[in-house]
Every structure is written in structure tokens, then in C-alpha cells.
């Protein structure tokens, strides 16, 4: 035995808040604390979907996995076998369980110890779907304004369907019969059961992100209400509403109406109907093209025939049969008009000549030149002013006398303002210079 005493055990913090780096809790204590806390929890009602069910014959306990219907989360559940006698279960069923949480300290696992298990009835599921439908409709996810028209002839179609399903065969075969060159991007996923929502949602997002895909078809054959529940799941419906690529929903039969049908851009009653919606019929299109060509040819031929008939009618008219007749008739009218114009011009010139002769005579009679020719003269001052009165000049003024022929320069030697104009004896002018 050693003479040294053993170290005293380290005192542990009583609360998690009191722990430090120098005084931590060991794992066993933390697990015990969590178990203690979980043990104080009251039993709780939990809803989920059964994804795994393990019932061993003769065993008093059953084990199942309860998964959240909208998120990828699950918890293990153990329940006594006799608790399931009144509620037969199968994988994929929706249930509510009354369970007590239990924490296993050795591996840190949380589980539920169920005391009662109840299956969710069809009526309740349908009521929940109806409630979700009203909520999504109020948000506008089903509005017609959000719908996108399908392309006339897509080069590539995305197809979400079950693995090796008849729905895939119906879509692909019928689409290729109508348009052999169509290409498909196929995503085979679970279309029922607990993995359906996650896998269909992932496939939709993947195809929507592919720029080559022009339209997406979600196809599944018919089934029970429980089988089609994933296509009324809120997470899946919202994922479809967020897609930019047009979606065609072909879920179940014509009487089935999952919420995906309402949010999709187009609803097909069956997968075969979806194939008809996404591709035109090459034979039908050729027939329509032939008919369009025939109608165009008939319209052009009718127009040409009508124009030819109108042209023939114009050419048969006399004016076009003998075009010179209209010219010759007009030529005679022009000759008559020219002759009349010449006669009128001659008469007018004759009248104008007579009028000119008369005016010339009157002008000569009134002209000062005629007066000068009779022996009269006109006296003008050097600045050109005509002398009309003796008072306008003084003795010694130099004047100019305008005669009929030539002019004389005269000088005033005397004036008589009161003399008789008829007798020029009182006043006189002496010629100075004659021209």
C-alpha cells in the first residue's frame, strides 16, 4: 500500500450552466441528465407515416419507424404487439401514436415507446387535403394566370414516373408514335410510399434546372387514395408551383384529382392523354399541311382566273380593239378647235388694229406737236419751265422757243401782263440764237 493518499474525486457541476473547460461533465453524466430530462416529459400524440414495420411472430414488442410526411426526419418507435391488434398497419400508412419519449443513454438514441396507435382514416385524410386545397387556392397557386402554354413541338420532354411502370410505357410509346424524333429525359422514382414526395420533388427540380427540357410530365397509373397521397403533399405541390418549365400532370385515372393536377400548367386524364398533349401527330400535321397547300393553291388559281377574265373583258372593248378610233375622233375635234381659235384671234387682231388707228388719230390731235405744226411755239425757261404768262419773266431774261422744227434762243425786251393774247404788239422778244 502506498503511503500517499489517493486524490479526492473531482466535484462536478450540478447544472449544465455551471460547467467550464476545467470542470466539464463526462459523457455518462450528460447522457444521464438528458435521460432524466426526457423521462420527465409527458406522453405526446405524434403523427407520421410508417416507413418500416418489424413484427416478429410470438414477440411481445413490435418495432417501426415513424417518418414526418413533409420532411426527411424519422424516429424509431416500439409498441406492444397487442396494441396493433385493433389497428392493422402496413408500411406507408398514416398513423397517430400516443407515446412516451425515451432516451437510450448507451448510444444517445431517442425513441418513442408507444402506448396506442391509431390509423388516420380516409375521411380525415381527404378533409386535410381539402383544407390544404383551400389554403393554396387562397395563395393563388391554382390561378389560370400562372399557367404556361405548352410548346408546339418540344425537342426534349422530362418524364417523372415509376420504375419500369406502365405509365412510362404509355407516355413514351404514344409520343413516339405521334412524333418519332422526340427525346425524353426520364427520371424513375418512387411514386407511392414514404419516399415518393422527396424523390418526385428532387426529380422536378433537376429537370426544371435543365435548359434542354421544354416540358415536364409527371405520370403515374391509378391507385387508391392512400397511394396517390404523395401528389397532394404540400411540399411537392409547392415545388411544382415554383418550376419555370411547363408541367403536365397525368396522375391516376380521370376521376382522380390530386392537388398536383390543380397546380400543374395542364392536366391530362391519363398518361396516354399526356402524350397526346405534349406532341402533335405527325400524320395529322402532314394532312393539315396538305389541306393548307390545296387551299392556298385554289385561292391563287381563283385570283388568277378572275384577273384573266377581267383582262379579257377589257381587251374585248372597241376602244382596245381599235385604239386609233378614239385618237382620230379627238384629232378632228382638235382641228375644229384650232380653226375656231384662229378665226377668233384674227377678228380680235382686226378689232385691235382699228382701235389702235383711232387712238393714234386722237393722240395726234391732242399732241403738242400738231399745235406746233400749225405755227405755234412754246417758250421755256433755261430750266425747262414753260412760260404761260408775261408775269413769269422779266426784261432781259433768256428764253428758249420750241418750234415745230428746231428751237430758238430769245431775249425778253419788254413785257405786258395785261395785253391781248391775240395781239402780240405790246410785248416782244428778240431772237438771240436759232437752231
Protein backbone atom coordinates (compact mmCIF):
# COMPACT_ATOMS: atom_id res chain seq x y z
CA UNK A 1 0.00 0.00 0.00
CA UNK A 2 1.26 3.45 -0.90
CA UNK A 3 1.94 5.90 1.80
CA UNK A 4 0.45 8.73 -0.36
CA UNK A 5 -3.31 9.25 0.00
CA UNK A 6 -5.40 8.94 -3.23
CA UNK A 7 -6.62 12.26 -4.73
CA UNK A 8 -10.07 13.35 -3.75
CA UNK A 9 -12.69 12.89 -6.50
CA UNK A 10 -13.33 15.99 -8.60
CA UNK A 11 -16.56 17.72 -7.72
CA UNK A 12 -18.85 18.02 -10.78
CA UNK A 13 -21.09 20.96 -11.56
CA UNK A 14 -24.69 20.46 -10.69
CA UNK A 15 -26.07 22.30 -13.71
CA UNK A 16 -25.04 22.50 -17.34
CA UNK A 17 -24.72 26.27 -16.95
CA UNK A 18 -22.05 25.78 -14.31
CA UNK A 19 -19.73 23.60 -16.44
CA UNK A 20 -16.41 25.02 -17.64
CA UNK A 21 -13.47 23.83 -19.68
CA UNK A 22 -11.68 22.99 -16.42
CA UNK A 23 -14.74 21.33 -14.90
CA UNK A 24 -16.65 19.54 -17.69
CA UNK A 25 -19.27 16.84 -17.48
CA UNK A 26 -18.33 13.32 -18.53
CA UNK A 27 -20.44 11.79 -21.31
CA UNK A 28 -22.16 9.42 -18.90
CA UNK A 29 -23.37 12.31 -16.82
CA UNK A 30 -24.68 14.24 -19.83
CA UNK A 31 -26.49 11.15 -21.12
CA UNK A 32 -27.96 10.60 -17.67
CA UNK A 33 -29.08 14.22 -17.48
CA UNK A 34 -30.73 14.01 -20.93
CA UNK A 35 -32.41 10.75 -19.99
CA UNK A 36 -33.60 12.30 -16.78
CA UNK A 37 -34.99 15.32 -18.66
CA UNK A 38 -36.69 13.17 -21.30
CA UNK A 39 -38.14 10.91 -18.60
CA UNK A 40 -39.93 13.91 -17.14
CA UNK A 41 -41.69 14.60 -20.45
CA UNK A 42 -45.37 13.75 -20.59
CA UNK A 43 -46.69 11.32 -23.20
CA UNK A 44 -47.38 13.05 -26.53
CA UNK A 45 -49.54 12.38 -29.60
CA UNK A 46 -47.36 12.23 -32.74
CA UNK A 47 -48.44 11.95 -36.38
CA UNK A 48 -46.36 10.42 -39.15
CA UNK A 49 -46.04 7.76 -41.81
CA UNK A 50 -44.94 4.19 -41.18
CA UNK A 51 -41.87 3.53 -43.31
CA UNK A 52 -40.60 0.36 -41.65
CA UNK A 53 -42.56 -2.24 -39.71
CA UNK A 54 -40.99 -5.21 -37.95
CA UNK A 55 -43.43 -7.66 -36.38
CA UNK A 56 -41.86 -10.88 -35.27
CA UNK A 57 -44.21 -13.77 -34.67
CA UNK A 58 -44.51 -14.57 -30.98
CA UNK A 59 -42.72 -11.38 -29.93
CA UNK A 60 -44.43 -9.14 -27.41
CA UNK A 61 -42.93 -5.99 -28.99
CA UNK A 62 -43.15 -4.51 -32.48
CA UNK A 63 -40.72 -2.01 -33.93
CA UNK A 64 -41.48 0.58 -36.57
CA UNK A 65 -40.06 3.82 -37.96
CA UNK A 66 -42.30 6.87 -37.95
CA UNK A 67 -41.40 9.42 -40.63
CA UNK A 68 -42.53 13.02 -41.00
CA UNK A 69 -44.80 13.38 -44.02
CA UNK A 70 -43.19 16.63 -45.23
CA UNK A 71 -39.57 16.49 -44.04
CA UNK A 72 -36.84 13.91 -44.12
CA UNK A 73 -36.98 13.15 -40.37
CA UNK A 74 -37.89 9.95 -38.56
CA UNK A 75 -37.92 8.35 -35.12
CA UNK A 76 -37.88 4.69 -34.05
CA UNK A 77 -40.98 3.54 -32.21
CA UNK A 78 -41.55 0.40 -30.14
CA UNK A 79 -45.01 -0.75 -29.25
CA UNK A 80 -46.53 -3.85 -27.74
CA UNK A 81 -47.94 -6.23 -30.30
CA UNK A 82 -51.37 -6.32 -28.69
CA UNK A 83 -51.69 -2.53 -29.24
CA UNK A 84 -51.76 -3.22 -33.00
CA UNK A 85 -54.45 -5.85 -32.91
CA UNK A 86 -57.22 -3.27 -33.36
CA UNK A 87 -55.23 -1.16 -35.87
CA UNK A 88 -53.64 -3.35 -38.58
CA UNK A 89 -50.72 -1.48 -40.04
CA UNK A 90 -48.70 -1.64 -43.23
CA UNK A 91 -45.80 0.38 -44.49
CA UNK A 92 -46.88 3.73 -45.90
CA UNK A 93 -49.87 4.07 -43.59
CA UNK A 94 -50.57 7.39 -41.89
CA UNK A 95 -50.92 6.98 -38.13
CA UNK A 96 -51.03 8.91 -34.91
CA UNK A 97 -49.36 7.35 -31.86
CA UNK A 98 -49.58 8.14 -28.18
CA UNK A 99 -46.04 7.62 -26.96
CA UNK A 100 -43.60 8.42 -24.20
CA UNK A 101 -40.16 9.69 -25.34
CA UNK A 102 -37.29 7.50 -24.23
CA UNK A 103 -33.57 8.27 -24.36
CA UNK A 104 -31.10 5.35 -24.56
CA UNK A 105 -28.01 6.51 -22.68
CA UNK A 106 -25.54 4.00 -24.12
CA UNK A 107 -25.75 5.24 -27.72
CA UNK A 108 -27.57 8.57 -27.27
CA UNK A 109 -30.62 7.43 -29.29
CA UNK A 110 -34.06 8.96 -28.85
CA UNK A 111 -37.05 6.72 -29.43
CA UNK A 112 -40.74 6.58 -28.69
CA UNK A 113 -42.43 4.00 -26.53
CA UNK A 114 -45.94 3.91 -27.99
CA UNK A 115 -48.91 3.04 -25.84
CA UNK A 116 -51.58 3.44 -28.52
CA UNK A 117 -51.54 3.51 -32.33
CA UNK A 118 -54.40 4.81 -34.46
CA UNK A 119 -54.59 4.76 -38.24
CA UNK A 120 -55.66 8.02 -39.87
CA UNK A 121 -58.89 7.32 -41.75
CA UNK A 122 -59.55 8.12 -45.40
CA UNK A 123 -62.16 10.67 -44.46
CA UNK A 124 -59.73 12.58 -42.29
CA UNK A 125 -57.04 12.47 -44.99
CA UNK A 126 -59.47 13.81 -47.57
CA UNK A 127 -60.53 16.56 -45.17
CA UNK A 128 -56.91 17.56 -44.71
CA UNK A 129 -56.36 17.62 -48.49
CA UNK A 130 -59.46 19.79 -48.91
CA UNK A 131 -58.21 22.20 -46.27
CA UNK A 132 -54.81 22.38 -47.98
CA UNK A 133 -56.54 22.93 -51.32
CA UNK A 134 -58.37 25.99 -49.95
CA UNK A 135 -55.17 27.38 -48.44
CA UNK A 136 -53.21 27.01 -51.67
CA UNK A 137 -56.08 28.40 -53.74
CA UNK A 138 -56.21 31.47 -51.49
CA UNK A 139 -52.49 31.98 -52.17
CA UNK A 140 -53.18 31.97 -55.93
CA UNK A 141 -51.22 28.82 -56.76
CA UNK A 142 -54.11 27.48 -58.85
CA UNK A 143 -54.87 30.71 -60.75
CA UNK A 144 -55.16 30.49 -64.53
CA UNK A 145 -52.80 33.48 -64.93
CA UNK A 146 -49.95 31.33 -63.62
CA UNK A 147 -50.43 28.64 -66.25
CA UNK A 148 -47.88 28.44 -69.06
CA UNK A 149 -48.75 27.31 -72.58
CA UNK A 150 -47.13 24.14 -73.86
CA UNK A 151 -44.62 24.42 -76.72
CA UNK A 152 -45.98 23.28 -80.08
CA UNK A 153 -43.16 20.81 -80.72
CA UNK A 154 -40.73 20.34 -77.82
CA UNK A 155 -37.34 18.90 -78.65
CA UNK A 156 -36.91 17.33 -75.21
CA UNK A 157 -39.51 16.25 -72.63
CA UNK A 158 -38.77 15.47 -68.99
CA UNK A 159 -40.69 12.48 -67.61
CA UNK A 160 -41.09 11.68 -63.91
CA UNK A 161 -42.57 8.21 -63.42
CA UNK A 162 -42.28 4.97 -61.53
CA UNK A 163 -39.57 2.43 -62.20
CA UNK A 164 -40.43 0.34 -65.26
CA UNK A 165 -44.03 1.47 -64.93
CA UNK A 166 -46.84 1.19 -67.44
CA UNK A 167 -47.28 4.96 -67.23
CA UNK A 168 -43.76 5.42 -68.62
CA UNK A 169 -44.54 3.00 -71.46
CA UNK A 170 -47.80 4.77 -72.30
CA UNK A 171 -46.20 8.21 -72.46
CA UNK A 172 -43.06 7.26 -74.38
CA UNK A 173 -44.65 4.86 -76.88
CA UNK A 174 -47.63 7.08 -77.72
CA UNK A 175 -45.45 10.19 -78.00
CA UNK A 176 -43.01 8.44 -80.36
CA UNK A 177 -45.93 7.15 -82.45
CA UNK A 178 -47.07 10.72 -82.92
CA UNK A 179 -43.59 12.27 -83.34
CA UNK A 180 -40.71 9.80 -83.65
CA UNK A 181 -37.95 12.37 -83.18
CA UNK A 182 -38.99 13.39 -79.65
CA UNK A 183 -36.31 12.96 -76.98
CA UNK A 184 -37.05 12.12 -73.32
CA UNK A 185 -35.18 12.81 -70.10
CA UNK A 186 -36.65 10.15 -67.78
CA UNK A 187 -36.38 10.16 -64.00
CA UNK A 188 -37.62 6.90 -62.47
CA UNK A 189 -38.62 7.49 -58.84
CA UNK A 190 -40.90 6.12 -56.17
CA UNK A 191 -44.43 7.26 -56.94
CA UNK A 192 -46.00 5.96 -53.75
CA UNK A 193 -44.89 5.28 -50.23
CA UNK A 194 -42.78 7.28 -47.80
CA UNK A 195 -40.00 8.14 -50.31
CA UNK A 196 -42.29 9.38 -53.07
CA UNK A 197 -42.51 13.04 -52.03
CA UNK A 198 -38.75 13.51 -51.67
CA UNK A 199 -37.86 11.68 -54.89
CA UNK A 200 -40.54 13.29 -57.08
CA UNK A 201 -39.65 16.74 -55.73
CA UNK A 202 -35.94 16.18 -56.42
CA UNK A 203 -36.70 14.96 -59.97
CA UNK A 204 -38.88 18.01 -60.69
CA UNK A 205 -36.16 20.40 -59.55
CA UNK A 206 -33.49 18.56 -61.54
CA UNK A 207 -35.50 18.61 -64.77
CA UNK A 208 -36.57 22.21 -64.25
CA UNK A 209 -32.90 23.21 -63.97
CA UNK A 210 -32.06 21.50 -67.30
CA UNK A 211 -32.31 24.14 -70.07
CA UNK A 212 -32.86 21.45 -72.73
CA UNK A 213 -36.11 20.26 -71.13
CA UNK A 214 -39.07 22.22 -72.51
CA UNK A 215 -41.93 20.47 -70.73
CA UNK A 216 -42.17 18.09 -67.75
CA UNK A 217 -44.67 15.22 -67.46
CA UNK A 218 -45.42 13.66 -64.08
CA UNK A 219 -47.12 10.32 -64.77
CA UNK A 220 -48.48 7.60 -62.58
CA UNK A 221 -51.13 4.94 -63.03
CA UNK A 222 -54.25 4.69 -60.95
CA UNK A 223 -54.35 3.66 -57.32
CA UNK A 224 -56.10 4.06 -54.02
CA UNK A 225 -56.43 7.34 -52.18
CA UNK A 226 -53.51 6.38 -49.95
CA UNK A 227 -51.34 5.56 -52.97
CA UNK A 228 -51.96 8.98 -54.51
CA UNK A 229 -51.44 10.94 -51.28
CA UNK A 230 -47.85 12.00 -52.15
CA UNK A 231 -49.20 14.00 -55.10
CA UNK A 232 -51.33 16.06 -52.71
CA UNK A 233 -48.43 16.72 -50.36
CA UNK A 234 -47.88 20.42 -49.69
CA UNK A 235 -44.11 20.30 -50.18
CA UNK A 236 -44.46 18.56 -53.55
CA UNK A 237 -47.23 20.88 -54.72
CA UNK A 238 -45.23 23.99 -53.82
CA UNK A 239 -42.15 22.60 -55.57
CA UNK A 240 -44.24 22.09 -58.73
CA UNK A 241 -45.61 25.64 -58.47
CA UNK A 242 -42.05 27.02 -58.29
CA UNK A 243 -41.00 25.33 -61.56
CA UNK A 244 -40.49 27.60 -64.56
CA UNK A 245 -40.87 24.73 -67.05
CA UNK A 246 -44.48 23.87 -68.00
CA UNK A 247 -45.75 20.81 -66.14
CA UNK A 248 -48.29 18.25 -67.33
CA UNK A 249 -49.86 16.19 -64.54
CA UNK A 250 -51.03 12.71 -65.50
CA UNK A 251 -51.75 11.13 -62.13
CA UNK A 252 -54.15 8.21 -61.78
CA UNK A 253 -57.34 7.95 -63.80
CA UNK A 254 -59.70 10.65 -64.99
CA UNK A 255 -61.70 10.51 -61.74
CA UNK A 256 -58.62 11.03 -59.55
CA UNK A 257 -57.86 14.65 -58.63
CA UNK A 258 -54.68 15.12 -56.57
CA UNK A 259 -53.60 18.69 -55.82
CA UNK A 260 -50.75 18.39 -58.33
CA UNK A 261 -53.40 18.45 -61.08
CA UNK A 262 -54.54 21.88 -59.90
CA UNK A 263 -51.11 23.49 -59.68
CA UNK A 264 -49.79 21.97 -62.93
CA UNK A 265 -49.98 24.03 -66.11
CA UNK A 266 -52.02 21.30 -67.84
CA UNK A 267 -53.87 18.24 -66.56
CA UNK A 268 -54.04 15.03 -68.55
CA UNK A 269 -56.65 12.45 -67.67
CA UNK A 270 -54.23 9.55 -68.31
CA UNK A 271 -50.56 9.10 -69.28
CA UNK A 272 -51.72 8.37 -72.84
CA UNK A 273 -53.59 11.66 -72.88
CA UNK A 274 -50.40 13.39 -71.67
CA UNK A 275 -48.53 12.01 -74.69
CA UNK A 276 -51.19 13.47 -77.00
CA UNK A 277 -50.96 16.86 -75.30
CA UNK A 278 -47.18 17.30 -75.46
CA UNK A 279 -46.64 16.21 -79.09
CA UNK A 280 -48.51 16.92 -82.32
CA UNK A 281 -49.49 13.99 -84.55
CA UNK A 282 -47.08 13.96 -87.50
CA UNK A 283 -49.67 12.31 -89.78
CA UNK A 284 -52.32 14.84 -88.76
CA UNK A 285 -49.91 17.72 -89.24
CA UNK A 286 -48.98 16.49 -92.70
CA UNK A 287 -52.67 16.19 -93.58
CA UNK A 288 -53.29 19.72 -92.37
CA UNK A 289 -50.28 20.97 -94.33
CA UNK A 290 -51.59 19.28 -97.48
CA UNK A 291 -55.00 20.84 -96.97
CA UNK A 292 -53.44 24.26 -96.39
CA UNK A 293 -51.42 23.96 -99.60
CA UNK A 294 -54.53 22.94 -101.54
CA UNK A 295 -56.50 25.87 -100.16
CA UNK A 296 -53.65 28.27 -100.97
CA UNK A 297 -53.32 26.86 -104.49
CA UNK A 298 -57.09 27.14 -105.05
CA UNK A 299 -57.10 30.71 -103.76
CA UNK A 300 -54.23 31.73 -106.06
CA UNK A 301 -55.81 29.96 -109.03
CA UNK A 302 -59.15 31.66 -108.39
CA UNK A 303 -57.47 35.05 -108.15
CA UNK A 304 -55.57 34.48 -111.41
CA UNK A 305 -58.70 33.29 -113.19
CA UNK A 306 -60.61 36.34 -112.04
CA UNK A 307 -57.88 38.72 -113.14
CA UNK A 308 -57.62 36.94 -116.53
CA UNK A 309 -61.38 37.25 -117.05
CA UNK A 310 -61.25 40.96 -116.23
CA UNK A 311 -58.33 41.43 -118.63
CA UNK A 312 -60.17 39.58 -121.40
CA UNK A 313 -63.23 41.79 -120.86
CA UNK A 314 -61.10 44.91 -121.17
CA UNK A 315 -59.38 43.68 -124.30
CA UNK A 316 -62.74 42.89 -125.97
CA UNK A 317 -63.92 46.50 -125.73
CA UNK A 318 -63.83 48.54 -129.02
CA UNK A 319 -61.54 51.15 -127.58
CA UNK A 320 -58.90 48.48 -127.05
CA UNK A 321 -59.72 46.50 -130.20
CA UNK A 322 -59.13 49.66 -132.39
CA UNK A 323 -57.30 52.20 -130.20
CA UNK A 324 -56.88 54.63 -133.19
CA UNK A 325 -60.61 55.38 -133.28
CA UNK A 326 -60.51 57.40 -130.09
CA UNK A 327 -57.40 59.24 -131.34
CA UNK A 328 -58.86 60.07 -134.77
CA UNK A 329 -62.09 61.35 -133.25
CA UNK A 330 -60.23 63.57 -130.90
CA UNK A 331 -57.97 64.77 -133.75
CA UNK A 332 -60.98 66.16 -135.66
CA UNK A 333 -62.16 67.94 -132.54
CA UNK A 334 -58.69 69.42 -132.10
CA UNK A 335 -58.64 70.65 -135.75
CA UNK A 336 -62.02 72.32 -135.36
CA UNK A 337 -60.92 73.91 -132.12
CA UNK A 338 -57.69 75.21 -133.71
CA UNK A 339 -59.58 76.69 -136.68
CA UNK A 340 -62.09 78.39 -134.38
CA UNK A 341 -59.27 79.76 -132.27
CA UNK A 342 -57.53 81.16 -135.36
CA UNK A 343 -60.69 82.87 -136.59
CA UNK A 344 -61.33 84.35 -133.18
CA UNK A 345 -57.73 85.59 -133.00
CA UNK A 346 -57.96 87.19 -136.48
CA UNK A 347 -61.15 89.00 -135.53
CA UNK A 348 -59.60 90.17 -132.34
CA UNK A 349 -56.48 91.44 -134.13
CA UNK A 350 -58.62 93.30 -136.67
CA UNK A 351 -60.60 95.00 -133.94
CA UNK A 352 -57.42 95.87 -132.08
CA UNK A 353 -55.86 97.39 -135.25
CA UNK A 354 -58.91 99.61 -135.76
CA UNK A 355 -58.88 100.67 -132.17
CA UNK A 356 -55.15 101.45 -132.43
CA UNK A 357 -55.68 103.60 -135.51
CA UNK A 358 -58.39 105.61 -133.76
CA UNK A 359 -56.28 106.08 -130.68
CA UNK A 360 -53.35 107.18 -132.84
CA UNK A 361 -55.54 109.85 -134.50
CA UNK A 362 -56.81 111.08 -131.17
CA UNK A 363 -53.28 111.14 -129.81
CA UNK A 364 -52.07 113.16 -132.76
CA UNK A 365 -54.93 115.61 -132.40
CA UNK A 366 -54.10 116.19 -128.77
CA UNK A 367 -50.33 116.15 -129.22
CA UNK A 368 -48.42 119.47 -128.77
CA UNK A 369 -46.51 118.60 -131.92
CA UNK A 370 -49.65 119.13 -134.01
CA UNK A 371 -50.11 122.57 -132.43
CA UNK A 372 -46.51 123.49 -133.21
CA UNK A 373 -47.05 122.34 -136.80
CA UNK A 374 -49.78 124.99 -137.15
CA UNK A 375 -47.26 127.79 -136.39
CA UNK A 376 -47.36 127.95 -132.67
CA UNK A 377 -44.30 127.82 -130.40
CA UNK A 378 -43.60 127.13 -126.78
CA UNK A 379 -41.46 129.36 -124.56
CA UNK A 380 -39.38 127.68 -121.87
CA UNK A 381 -37.03 128.98 -119.29
CA UNK A 382 -33.50 127.56 -119.23
CA UNK A 383 -34.53 125.13 -116.55
CA UNK A 384 -37.34 123.72 -118.78
CA UNK A 385 -40.27 125.59 -117.21
CA UNK A 386 -43.00 126.50 -119.77
CA UNK A 387 -43.83 130.23 -119.77
CA UNK A 388 -47.61 130.71 -119.69
CA UNK A 389 -47.84 134.35 -118.52
CA UNK A 390 -45.85 137.51 -119.09
CA UNK A 391 -45.60 137.89 -115.34
CA UNK A 392 -43.40 134.84 -115.19
CA UNK A 393 -40.48 136.58 -116.97
CA UNK A 394 -38.65 139.84 -116.74
CA UNK A 395 -36.95 142.01 -119.31
CA UNK A 396 -33.62 140.62 -120.25
CA UNK A 397 -34.46 137.00 -119.42
CA UNK A 398 -33.08 134.45 -121.77
CA UNK A 399 -35.73 132.01 -123.02
CA UNK A 400 -35.93 129.05 -125.36
CA UNK A 401 -38.59 128.89 -128.06
CA UNK A 402 -39.70 125.40 -129.12
CA UNK A 403 -40.92 125.38 -132.77
CA UNK A 404 -42.39 122.59 -134.90
CA UNK A 405 -38.92 122.15 -136.26
CA UNK A 406 -35.99 123.26 -134.14
CA UNK A 407 -35.62 125.79 -131.29
CA UNK A 408 -34.74 129.50 -130.93
CA UNK A 409 -32.91 131.31 -128.15
CA UNK A 410 -34.67 134.63 -127.42
CA UNK A 411 -34.28 137.52 -125.00
CA UNK A 412 -37.17 139.37 -123.38
CA UNK A 413 -37.05 143.06 -124.29
CA UNK A 414 -40.47 144.04 -122.91
CA UNK A 415 -43.47 142.53 -121.09
CA UNK A 416 -47.16 143.40 -120.94
CA UNK A 417 -49.08 141.35 -118.41
CA UNK A 418 -52.41 142.91 -119.44
CA UNK A 419 -52.05 142.72 -123.19
CA UNK A 420 -54.48 140.87 -125.52
CA UNK A 421 -53.14 137.43 -126.24
CA UNK A 422 -54.45 137.71 -129.77
CA UNK A 423 -52.17 140.73 -130.49
CA UNK A 424 -48.52 140.46 -129.55
CA UNK A 425 -47.64 144.19 -130.24
CA UNK A 426 -47.13 145.23 -126.61
CA UNK A 427 -44.55 142.65 -125.73
CA UNK A 428 -41.67 141.37 -127.77
CA UNK A 429 -38.79 139.03 -127.60
CA UNK A 430 -35.64 139.35 -129.58
CA UNK A 431 -34.15 136.22 -131.09
CA UNK A 432 -30.64 135.62 -129.91
CA UNK A 433 -29.78 132.26 -131.45
CA UNK A 434 -31.68 129.79 -133.68
CA UNK A 435 -31.15 126.05 -134.12
